[in-house]
């Protein structure tokens, strides 16, 4: 660092680690997002200029024993220029735009920080890898999705099931779950526990293999016991959170998001409001409404339009859903999450084609710790098919159980007699290597 006044570092949005891969999928451009963080708060404005720096990539190769080649055609939004206002530590984000079709496999971003003539240049570099992916696209009359509890199991297990016509059994796999929380400034952000962070850090080994099989991968968003939630965000908070989702979608390559309006403080009768929690939320519990949920969806669609990103709603009470004349324009599906029961969207009538009125849990223990058998209600399955509902859902696919009988029950009805094939491979939560399933010796499966 050349001066003590403007020392800092280039970092990536969404908590991405050095070397995270930006994926150019099916010929569509990719994007990363960087910001600059000072080591100490400055009492003057700090002008920061980011740059694509091929020399920095060469230096990184030499220091780390890598052999990356600079990806062609990368550009920076706002010409890489931002300002950190006096009294703050971090700059705004700058988009790193990666076009499709370029040669090379990495990009290094450096920054120069200027505090009124006191200039620091050697602030290090952030390196993204760049890779291309061509993923098949399958269409099914009824789409099948599965929420994966990544605290316990790997999403990779979902990729081991196919229908007898060659299509994946699961169309969407949702990483369950990241959280919506408030930061010190009272604005919403995505919080990831260690298990979700593990999936993100290994996106190339966990997310991308599923996408290569034609399975879309979503990130579930869940409340987390503070004032942030789908029904509590202010207009400003909704816009901030929408940008946060956009960066997660772009950097980690998520195809969409599932919104699960549970466990926020207003659902626990503990809402504090903006006067205490900050400007990202409304002022009182009475203002935590479905209309705010809709406003959040509108803000998200501004930056993640339909066709680019898929939005799902998980609901099971009378008011944990968005409402309004434009709901069908905002969401792609709504899952009724009272597993084993059947119900339609309660806030209003919506097209059956975007409803999953029946879902099945794939886990459960009795009071002796024994696995409860998975229950499949064929009458409800026929209601899904005959009612022309467009989605079906499972929750908590596990590596410790076999499901081929139950999956065949579902497939026989929903996909006109097709059968389900299973490789017999399973993955432990942190393993990228499959092993053959072995039934527990106590028969608890």
Protein backbone atom coordinates (compact mmCIF):
# COMPACT_ATOMS: atom_id res chain seq x y z
CA UNK A 1 0.00 0.00 0.00
CA UNK A 2 1.51 3.32 -1.03
CA UNK A 3 -0.11 5.58 1.56
CA UNK A 4 -1.68 5.21 4.97
CA UNK A 5 -4.65 7.32 3.93
CA UNK A 6 -6.38 5.19 1.32
CA UNK A 7 -5.51 1.62 2.26
CA UNK A 8 -8.23 -0.89 1.49
CA UNK A 9 -9.14 -3.90 -0.59
CA UNK A 10 -11.27 -5.01 -3.51
CA UNK A 11 -13.99 -7.46 -2.48
CA UNK A 12 -16.87 -9.28 -4.14
CA UNK A 13 -20.55 -8.90 -3.37
CA UNK A 14 -22.55 -11.84 -1.98
CA UNK A 15 -19.62 -12.98 0.14
CA UNK A 16 -17.96 -14.62 -2.86
CA UNK A 17 -14.48 -15.96 -2.21
CA UNK A 18 -11.42 -15.30 -4.33
CA UNK A 19 -11.65 -17.46 -7.45
CA UNK A 20 -15.45 -17.78 -7.48
CA UNK A 21 -16.66 -18.74 -10.97
CA UNK A 22 -18.93 -16.51 -13.04
CA UNK A 23 -20.81 -18.79 -15.40
CA UNK A 24 -21.78 -17.83 -18.94
CA UNK A 25 -24.84 -20.05 -19.40
CA UNK A 26 -26.42 -20.96 -22.72
CA UNK A 27 -24.72 -18.07 -24.44
CA UNK A 28 -25.95 -15.37 -22.02
CA UNK A 29 -23.58 -12.83 -20.50
CA UNK A 30 -22.53 -13.19 -16.86
CA UNK A 31 -21.85 -10.58 -14.19
CA UNK A 32 -19.96 -10.17 -10.94
CA UNK A 33 -20.03 -7.25 -8.50
CA UNK A 34 -17.12 -5.71 -6.64
CA UNK A 35 -16.79 -3.01 -4.01
CA UNK A 36 -13.92 -1.30 -2.23
CA UNK A 37 -13.55 -1.36 1.53
CA UNK A 38 -11.23 0.96 3.42
CA UNK A 39 -9.28 -0.30 6.40
CA UNK A 40 -10.28 2.77 8.42
CA UNK A 41 -12.97 5.41 8.05
CA UNK A 42 -11.69 8.49 6.23
CA UNK A 43 -12.77 12.04 7.06
CA UNK A 44 -12.76 13.01 3.37
CA UNK A 45 -14.46 11.56 0.31
CA UNK A 46 -12.51 8.73 -1.30
CA UNK A 47 -12.69 8.36 -5.06
CA UNK A 48 -12.18 4.76 -6.18
CA UNK A 49 -11.48 3.65 -9.74
CA UNK A 50 -11.68 -0.05 -10.53
CA UNK A 51 -9.99 -1.57 -13.57
CA UNK A 52 -9.67 -4.90 -15.34
CA UNK A 53 -6.00 -5.66 -14.76
CA UNK A 54 -4.33 -8.42 -16.76
CA UNK A 55 -0.97 -7.76 -15.13
CA UNK A 56 -2.57 -8.36 -11.74
CA UNK A 57 -3.87 -11.71 -13.04
CA UNK A 58 -0.34 -12.67 -14.07
CA UNK A 59 0.92 -11.70 -10.62
CA UNK A 60 -1.82 -13.82 -9.06
CA UNK A 61 -0.81 -16.78 -11.23
CA UNK A 62 2.81 -16.43 -10.15
CA UNK A 63 1.93 -16.16 -6.47
CA UNK A 64 -0.56 -19.04 -6.43
CA UNK A 65 0.79 -21.46 -8.99
CA UNK A 66 -2.26 -21.03 -11.23
CA UNK A 67 -2.39 -20.63 -14.98
CA UNK A 68 -5.41 -18.43 -15.61
CA UNK A 69 -5.78 -16.61 -18.91
CA UNK A 70 -7.50 -13.23 -19.08
CA UNK A 71 -11.07 -13.46 -20.37
CA UNK A 72 -11.70 -11.19 -23.33
CA UNK A 73 -14.12 -8.27 -23.45
CA UNK A 74 -14.85 -7.76 -19.74
CA UNK A 75 -16.08 -4.26 -18.90
CA UNK A 76 -17.01 -2.35 -15.76
CA UNK A 77 -20.20 -0.37 -15.12
CA UNK A 78 -19.82 3.40 -14.54
CA UNK A 79 -16.35 3.04 -16.06
CA UNK A 80 -15.33 1.60 -12.72
CA UNK A 81 -15.67 4.90 -10.85
CA UNK A 82 -17.35 5.22 -7.42
CA UNK A 83 -16.99 7.42 -4.34
CA UNK A 84 -16.88 6.42 -0.70
CA UNK A 85 -18.41 9.35 1.21
CA UNK A 86 -16.51 10.72 4.20
CA UNK A 87 -17.31 8.76 7.33
CA UNK A 88 -18.04 5.49 5.52
CA UNK A 89 -15.93 2.41 4.88
CA UNK A 90 -17.44 0.87 1.74
CA UNK A 91 -18.11 1.94 -1.80
CA UNK A 92 -21.16 1.13 -3.89
CA UNK A 93 -21.02 -2.01 -6.00
CA UNK A 94 -19.64 -1.94 -9.53
CA UNK A 95 -20.84 -4.54 -12.01
CA UNK A 96 -18.23 -6.66 -13.78
CA UNK A 97 -19.82 -7.46 -17.14
CA UNK A 98 -18.65 -10.68 -18.76
CA UNK A 99 -19.80 -11.21 -22.37
CA UNK A 100 -20.51 -14.60 -23.88
CA UNK A 101 -18.13 -16.15 -26.35
CA UNK A 102 -14.88 -14.69 -25.05
CA UNK A 103 -11.61 -16.55 -24.81
CA UNK A 104 -9.88 -16.97 -21.46
CA UNK A 105 -11.01 -18.18 -18.04
CA UNK A 106 -10.48 -15.45 -15.44
CA UNK A 107 -10.60 -11.73 -14.77
CA UNK A 108 -8.71 -9.70 -12.16
CA UNK A 109 -10.11 -6.42 -10.83
CA UNK A 110 -7.89 -3.86 -9.10
CA UNK A 111 -8.61 -0.39 -7.72
CA UNK A 112 -6.95 2.97 -7.19
CA UNK A 113 -8.16 4.99 -4.20
CA UNK A 114 -7.76 8.79 -4.18
CA UNK A 115 -8.39 10.92 -1.11
CA UNK A 116 -7.94 14.39 -2.55
CA UNK A 117 -4.47 13.84 -3.92
CA UNK A 118 -3.39 11.14 -1.48
CA UNK A 119 -3.43 8.17 -3.82
CA UNK A 120 -3.05 4.48 -3.05
CA UNK A 121 -2.69 2.03 -5.91
CA UNK A 122 -1.50 -1.38 -4.69
CA UNK A 123 -4.77 -2.34 -3.04
CA UNK A 124 -4.68 -5.91 -4.23
CA UNK A 125 -6.89 -7.63 -6.76
CA UNK A 126 -10.04 -9.73 -6.75
CA UNK A 127 -10.07 -12.62 -9.20
CA UNK A 128 -13.16 -14.25 -10.68
CA UNK A 129 -12.90 -17.38 -12.76
CA UNK A 130 -15.08 -17.52 -15.88
CA UNK A 131 -16.62 -20.68 -17.36
CA UNK A 132 -19.26 -21.54 -19.96
CA UNK A 133 -22.17 -23.93 -19.44
CA UNK A 134 -24.71 -25.23 -21.92
CA UNK A 135 -27.65 -26.61 -19.96
CA UNK A 136 -30.53 -28.56 -21.52
CA UNK A 137 -34.06 -27.17 -21.13
CA UNK A 138 -36.90 -29.62 -20.54
CA UNK A 139 -40.62 -28.90 -20.43
CA UNK A 140 -43.13 -30.95 -18.45
CA UNK A 141 -46.85 -30.38 -18.09
CA UNK A 142 -46.44 -30.60 -14.30
CA UNK A 143 -43.13 -29.39 -12.91
CA UNK A 144 -41.68 -31.10 -9.88
CA UNK A 145 -39.61 -29.27 -7.27
CA UNK A 146 -37.79 -30.26 -4.12
CA UNK A 147 -36.59 -28.23 -1.15
CA UNK A 148 -33.27 -29.63 0.12
CA UNK A 149 -32.37 -29.10 3.78
CA UNK A 150 -28.69 -28.40 3.20
CA UNK A 151 -27.99 -28.36 6.93
CA UNK A 152 -28.20 -32.14 6.64
CA UNK A 153 -28.08 -33.26 2.99
CA UNK A 154 -26.58 -32.47 -0.38
CA UNK A 155 -28.59 -31.10 -3.32
CA UNK A 156 -26.62 -33.47 -5.54
CA UNK A 157 -28.88 -36.34 -4.44
CA UNK A 158 -31.73 -34.82 -6.47
CA UNK A 159 -29.80 -35.33 -9.69
CA UNK A 160 -29.77 -39.11 -9.32
CA UNK A 161 -33.46 -39.55 -10.25
CA UNK A 162 -34.76 -39.51 -13.83
CA UNK A 163 -38.04 -40.33 -15.52
CA UNK A 164 -38.17 -43.19 -17.97
CA UNK A 165 -38.43 -40.71 -20.86
CA UNK A 166 -34.98 -39.38 -19.96
CA UNK A 167 -36.08 -36.12 -18.34
CA UNK A 168 -35.01 -35.27 -14.79
CA UNK A 169 -37.53 -36.30 -12.13
CA UNK A 170 -36.96 -32.98 -10.37
CA UNK A 171 -37.29 -29.81 -12.43
CA UNK A 172 -36.31 -27.40 -9.65
CA UNK A 173 -34.08 -27.96 -6.62
CA UNK A 174 -34.18 -25.27 -3.94
CA UNK A 175 -31.30 -24.79 -1.50
CA UNK A 176 -33.09 -24.47 1.84
CA UNK A 177 -32.41 -21.98 3.22
CA UNK A 178 -30.63 -18.65 3.35
CA UNK A 179 -32.11 -15.95 5.58
CA UNK A 180 -33.30 -12.39 5.28
CA UNK A 181 -31.86 -10.26 8.09
CA UNK A 182 -31.12 -6.61 8.87
CA UNK A 183 -27.58 -5.22 8.94
CA UNK A 184 -26.20 -2.55 11.27
CA UNK A 185 -27.63 0.17 9.02
CA UNK A 186 -31.09 -1.35 9.29
CA UNK A 187 -31.14 -2.62 5.70
CA UNK A 188 -32.04 -6.18 4.62
CA UNK A 189 -29.38 -8.56 3.38
CA UNK A 190 -28.94 -12.27 2.73
CA UNK A 191 -27.44 -14.19 5.64
CA UNK A 192 -26.02 -17.64 4.93
CA UNK A 193 -25.21 -20.12 7.66
CA UNK A 194 -22.16 -22.34 7.31
CA UNK A 195 -24.03 -25.07 5.44
CA UNK A 196 -25.55 -22.72 2.85
CA UNK A 197 -22.19 -20.97 2.51
CA UNK A 198 -20.63 -24.38 1.80
CA UNK A 199 -22.99 -24.88 -1.14
CA UNK A 200 -22.17 -21.40 -2.49
CA UNK A 201 -18.43 -21.91 -2.12
CA UNK A 202 -18.75 -25.19 -4.02
CA UNK A 203 -21.22 -24.00 -6.65
CA UNK A 204 -19.08 -25.52 -9.41
CA UNK A 205 -19.33 -28.96 -7.78
CA UNK A 206 -22.92 -28.79 -6.44
CA UNK A 207 -25.04 -26.31 -8.40
CA UNK A 208 -23.53 -26.65 -11.85
CA UNK A 209 -23.82 -30.48 -12.11
CA UNK A 210 -27.56 -30.23 -11.48
CA UNK A 211 -27.94 -27.52 -14.10
CA UNK A 212 -26.01 -29.64 -16.60
CA UNK A 213 -28.75 -32.24 -16.17
CA UNK A 214 -31.47 -29.69 -16.93
CA UNK A 215 -32.44 -29.05 -13.30
CA UNK A 216 -32.98 -25.44 -12.27
CA UNK A 217 -31.44 -24.47 -8.93
CA UNK A 218 -33.06 -21.93 -6.61
CA UNK A 219 -32.11 -20.36 -3.30
CA UNK A 220 -34.80 -20.31 -0.61
CA UNK A 221 -35.12 -17.13 1.48
CA UNK A 222 -36.44 -17.55 5.03
CA UNK A 223 -37.09 -15.14 7.90
CA UNK A 224 -34.64 -15.25 10.81
CA UNK A 225 -36.16 -13.82 14.01
CA UNK A 226 -35.59 -10.12 13.39
CA UNK A 227 -37.74 -7.41 11.76
CA UNK A 228 -36.70 -8.28 8.19
CA UNK A 229 -39.31 -10.26 6.28
CA UNK A 230 -41.39 -10.42 3.13
CA UNK A 231 -44.24 -8.44 4.71
CA UNK A 232 -42.19 -5.90 6.67
CA UNK A 233 -39.77 -4.24 4.24
CA UNK A 234 -40.16 -0.55 3.48
CA UNK A 235 -40.08 0.63 -0.14
CA UNK A 236 -36.39 1.45 0.29
CA UNK A 237 -35.70 -1.88 1.96
CA UNK A 238 -37.44 -3.79 -0.84
CA UNK A 239 -35.23 -2.15 -3.47
CA UNK A 240 -32.07 -2.86 -1.47
CA UNK A 241 -33.01 -6.51 -1.01
CA UNK A 242 -33.91 -6.92 -4.68
CA UNK A 243 -30.40 -5.78 -5.62
CA UNK A 244 -28.99 -8.27 -3.12
CA UNK A 245 -30.92 -11.10 -4.80
CA UNK A 246 -29.72 -9.97 -8.21
CA UNK A 247 -26.10 -10.22 -7.12
CA UNK A 248 -26.59 -13.72 -5.67
CA UNK A 249 -28.34 -14.83 -8.86
CA UNK A 250 -25.56 -13.52 -11.08
CA UNK A 251 -22.53 -14.52 -9.04
CA UNK A 252 -23.65 -18.03 -8.04
CA UNK A 253 -25.79 -18.75 -11.09
CA UNK A 254 -29.11 -19.34 -9.33
CA UNK A 255 -32.07 -19.78 -11.66
CA UNK A 256 -34.47 -18.26 -9.16
CA UNK A 257 -35.58 -17.86 -5.55
CA UNK A 258 -38.17 -19.35 -3.21
CA UNK A 259 -39.69 -16.96 -0.66
CA UNK A 260 -40.75 -18.53 2.64
CA UNK A 261 -42.44 -15.99 4.94
CA UNK A 262 -41.76 -17.68 8.27
CA UNK A 263 -39.86 -16.86 11.47
CA UNK A 264 -39.71 -13.07 11.06
CA UNK A 265 -40.41 -11.09 14.22
CA UNK A 266 -43.89 -9.99 13.15
CA UNK A 267 -44.94 -13.65 13.00
CA UNK A 268 -43.61 -14.07 16.54
CA UNK A 269 -45.31 -10.94 17.96
CA UNK A 270 -41.92 -9.29 18.52
CA UNK A 271 -41.81 -6.66 15.77
CA UNK A 272 -39.87 -3.52 16.82
CA UNK A 273 -40.34 -1.30 13.75
CA UNK A 274 -38.21 1.22 11.89
CA UNK A 275 -37.66 3.51 14.89
CA UNK A 276 -35.58 0.73 16.47
CA UNK A 277 -34.55 -1.58 13.63
CA UNK A 278 -33.86 0.98 10.92
CA UNK A 279 -35.20 2.36 7.63
CA UNK A 280 -35.33 -0.98 5.84
CA UNK A 281 -38.60 -1.92 7.54
CA UNK A 282 -41.99 -0.34 8.18
CA UNK A 283 -42.82 1.37 11.45
CA UNK A 284 -45.29 -1.00 13.10
CA UNK A 285 -46.59 -4.57 13.11
CA UNK A 286 -49.94 -3.46 11.68
CA UNK A 287 -48.09 -2.33 8.55
CA UNK A 288 -46.61 -5.80 7.92
CA UNK A 289 -49.00 -6.74 5.15
CA UNK A 290 -49.38 -8.84 2.03
CA UNK A 291 -49.25 -5.59 0.06
CA UNK A 292 -45.65 -5.15 1.25
CA UNK A 293 -44.92 -8.71 0.09
CA UNK A 294 -46.24 -7.73 -3.34
CA UNK A 295 -44.12 -4.58 -3.32
CA UNK A 296 -41.05 -6.71 -2.62
CA UNK A 297 -41.90 -8.97 -5.57
CA UNK A 298 -42.31 -5.90 -7.77
CA UNK A 299 -38.90 -4.60 -6.74
CA UNK A 300 -37.35 -8.00 -7.42
CA UNK A 301 -38.95 -8.20 -10.86
CA UNK A 302 -37.43 -4.81 -11.73
CA UNK A 303 -33.96 -6.35 -11.59
CA UNK A 304 -34.82 -10.04 -12.22
CA UNK A 305 -37.53 -10.13 -14.89
CA UNK A 306 -39.60 -13.20 -15.75
CA UNK A 307 -37.76 -15.40 -18.18
CA UNK A 308 -34.48 -14.50 -16.49
CA UNK A 309 -35.35 -15.64 -12.97
CA UNK A 310 -38.08 -17.83 -11.46
CA UNK A 311 -39.86 -16.87 -8.21
CA UNK A 312 -41.67 -19.35 -6.02
CA UNK A 313 -43.85 -18.71 -2.97
CA UNK A 314 -44.02 -21.19 -0.10
CA UNK A 315 -47.10 -20.61 2.05
CA UNK A 316 -49.33 -22.35 4.58
CA UNK A 317 -51.28 -19.69 6.55
CA UNK A 318 -53.94 -17.16 5.60
CA UNK A 319 -51.67 -14.16 5.10
CA UNK A 320 -48.13 -15.29 4.21
CA UNK A 321 -48.59 -14.67 0.49
CA UNK A 322 -48.44 -11.59 -1.76
CA UNK A 323 -51.78 -10.31 -3.02
CA UNK A 324 -52.97 -8.06 -5.81
CA UNK A 325 -54.07 -7.92 -9.43
CA UNK A 326 -50.49 -8.36 -10.65
CA UNK A 327 -49.49 -11.40 -8.55
CA UNK A 328 -49.54 -13.77 -11.51
CA UNK A 329 -47.17 -11.44 -13.34
CA UNK A 330 -44.76 -11.51 -10.40
CA UNK A 331 -44.55 -15.15 -9.31
CA UNK A 332 -44.05 -18.38 -11.23
CA UNK A 333 -45.49 -20.81 -8.69
CA UNK A 334 -46.97 -21.07 -5.20
CA UNK A 335 -46.49 -24.16 -3.00
CA UNK A 336 -48.94 -25.03 -0.23
CA UNK A 337 -46.57 -26.23 2.48
CA UNK A 338 -48.87 -28.05 4.90
CA UNK A 339 -47.40 -31.37 3.83
CA UNK A 340 -49.91 -34.09 3.11
CA UNK A 341 -52.83 -31.64 2.85
CA UNK A 342 -54.47 -30.07 -0.21
CA UNK A 343 -55.39 -26.38 -0.52
CA UNK A 344 -55.44 -23.55 -3.02
CA UNK A 345 -53.91 -20.09 -2.70
CA UNK A 346 -55.93 -18.29 -0.04
CA UNK A 347 -55.31 -14.60 -0.64
CA UNK A 348 -57.05 -14.69 -4.00
CA UNK A 349 -57.81 -16.89 -6.97
CA UNK A 350 -54.77 -17.55 -9.15
CA UNK A 351 -54.26 -19.68 -12.24
CA UNK A 352 -53.97 -23.38 -11.42
CA UNK A 353 -50.99 -23.53 -13.77
CA UNK A 354 -48.85 -21.75 -11.16
CA UNK A 355 -50.08 -23.63 -8.11
CA UNK A 356 -48.74 -26.63 -6.20
CA UNK A 357 -51.71 -27.34 -3.92
CA UNK A 358 -50.30 -30.63 -2.63
CA UNK A 359 -46.78 -31.37 -1.40
CA UNK A 360 -45.13 -34.31 0.33
CA UNK A 361 -42.48 -34.37 3.03
CA UNK A 362 -39.78 -36.98 2.58
CA UNK A 363 -38.64 -37.02 6.20
CA UNK A 364 -40.05 -37.35 9.65
CA UNK A 365 -39.42 -39.20 12.89
CA UNK A 366 -41.78 -40.67 15.45
CA UNK A 367 -41.34 -40.17 19.19
CA UNK A 368 -38.90 -43.09 19.27
CA UNK A 369 -36.67 -41.63 16.57
CA UNK A 370 -37.83 -44.05 13.90
CA UNK A 371 -38.44 -42.83 10.37
CA UNK A 372 -42.10 -42.29 9.53
CA UNK A 373 -43.11 -43.86 6.20
CA UNK A 374 -43.64 -41.38 3.36
CA UNK A 375 -47.34 -40.98 2.67
CA UNK A 376 -48.64 -40.53 -0.88
CA UNK A 377 -52.31 -39.60 -1.35
CA UNK A 378 -53.29 -40.76 -4.84
CA UNK A 379 -56.64 -38.98 -4.65
CA UNK A 380 -54.78 -35.70 -4.21
CA UNK A 381 -52.40 -36.60 -7.03
CA UNK A 382 -55.37 -37.08 -9.33
CA UNK A 383 -56.77 -33.72 -8.22
CA UNK A 384 -53.44 -32.14 -9.20
CA UNK A 385 -53.56 -33.77 -12.62
CA UNK A 386 -57.26 -33.32 -13.33
CA UNK A 387 -57.27 -29.74 -12.06
CA UNK A 388 -54.41 -28.89 -14.46
CA UNK A 389 -52.22 -27.64 -11.64
CA UNK A 390 -48.76 -26.87 -12.91
CA UNK A 391 -46.52 -27.82 -9.98
CA UNK A 392 -45.87 -30.52 -7.41
CA UNK A 393 -43.43 -30.33 -4.51
CA UNK A 394 -41.37 -32.45 -2.15
CA UNK A 395 -39.50 -31.39 0.97
CA UNK A 396 -36.29 -32.73 2.53
CA UNK A 397 -34.85 -35.34 0.18
CA UNK A 398 -32.44 -37.39 2.27
CA UNK A 399 -29.48 -39.60 1.42
CA UNK A 400 -30.37 -42.03 4.21
CA UNK A 401 -33.67 -43.25 2.74
CA UNK A 402 -34.96 -44.87 -0.43
CA UNK A 403 -37.92 -43.33 -2.24
CA UNK A 404 -38.26 -45.19 -5.50
CA UNK A 405 -41.63 -46.74 -4.57
CA UNK A 406 -43.15 -43.39 -3.58
CA UNK A 407 -41.66 -41.55 -6.55
CA UNK A 408 -43.12 -44.15 -8.89
CA UNK A 409 -46.53 -43.66 -7.27
CA UNK A 410 -46.29 -39.95 -8.06
CA UNK A 411 -44.93 -40.41 -11.58
CA UNK A 412 -47.57 -42.98 -12.53
CA UNK A 413 -50.32 -40.41 -11.97
CA UNK A 414 -48.70 -37.06 -12.80
CA UNK A 415 -46.65 -38.14 -15.80
CA UNK A 416 -48.97 -40.63 -17.44
CA UNK A 417 -47.47 -43.91 -16.36
CA UNK A 418 -43.80 -42.98 -16.61
CA UNK A 419 -41.51 -44.69 -14.13
CA UNK A 420 -38.65 -43.29 -12.06
CA UNK A 421 -35.12 -44.58 -12.34
CA UNK A 422 -32.58 -44.13 -9.54
CA UNK A 423 -28.85 -44.63 -9.90
CA UNK A 424 -28.57 -45.80 -6.30
CA UNK A 425 -25.90 -43.16 -5.76
CA UNK A 426 -26.00 -40.92 -2.69
CA UNK A 427 -23.92 -37.97 -1.53
CA UNK A 428 -23.04 -37.00 2.02
CA UNK A 429 -23.60 -33.32 2.82
CA UNK A 430 -20.01 -32.22 2.22
CA UNK A 431 -18.93 -34.88 -0.29
CA UNK A 432 -18.73 -34.40 -4.05
CA UNK A 433 -18.13 -38.11 -4.58
CA UNK A 434 -21.10 -40.46 -4.82
CA UNK A 435 -21.28 -43.78 -3.01
CA UNK A 436 -23.81 -46.57 -3.41
CA UNK A 437 -26.73 -46.47 -0.99
CA UNK A 438 -26.53 -48.92 1.88
CA UNK A 439 -29.66 -49.49 3.94
CA UNK A 440 -29.21 -48.77 7.66
CA UNK A 441 -28.68 -51.93 9.67
CA UNK A 442 -31.63 -51.05 11.93
CA UNK A 443 -33.95 -50.85 8.94
CA UNK A 444 -34.72 -47.19 9.73
CA UNK A 445 -35.14 -45.87 6.20
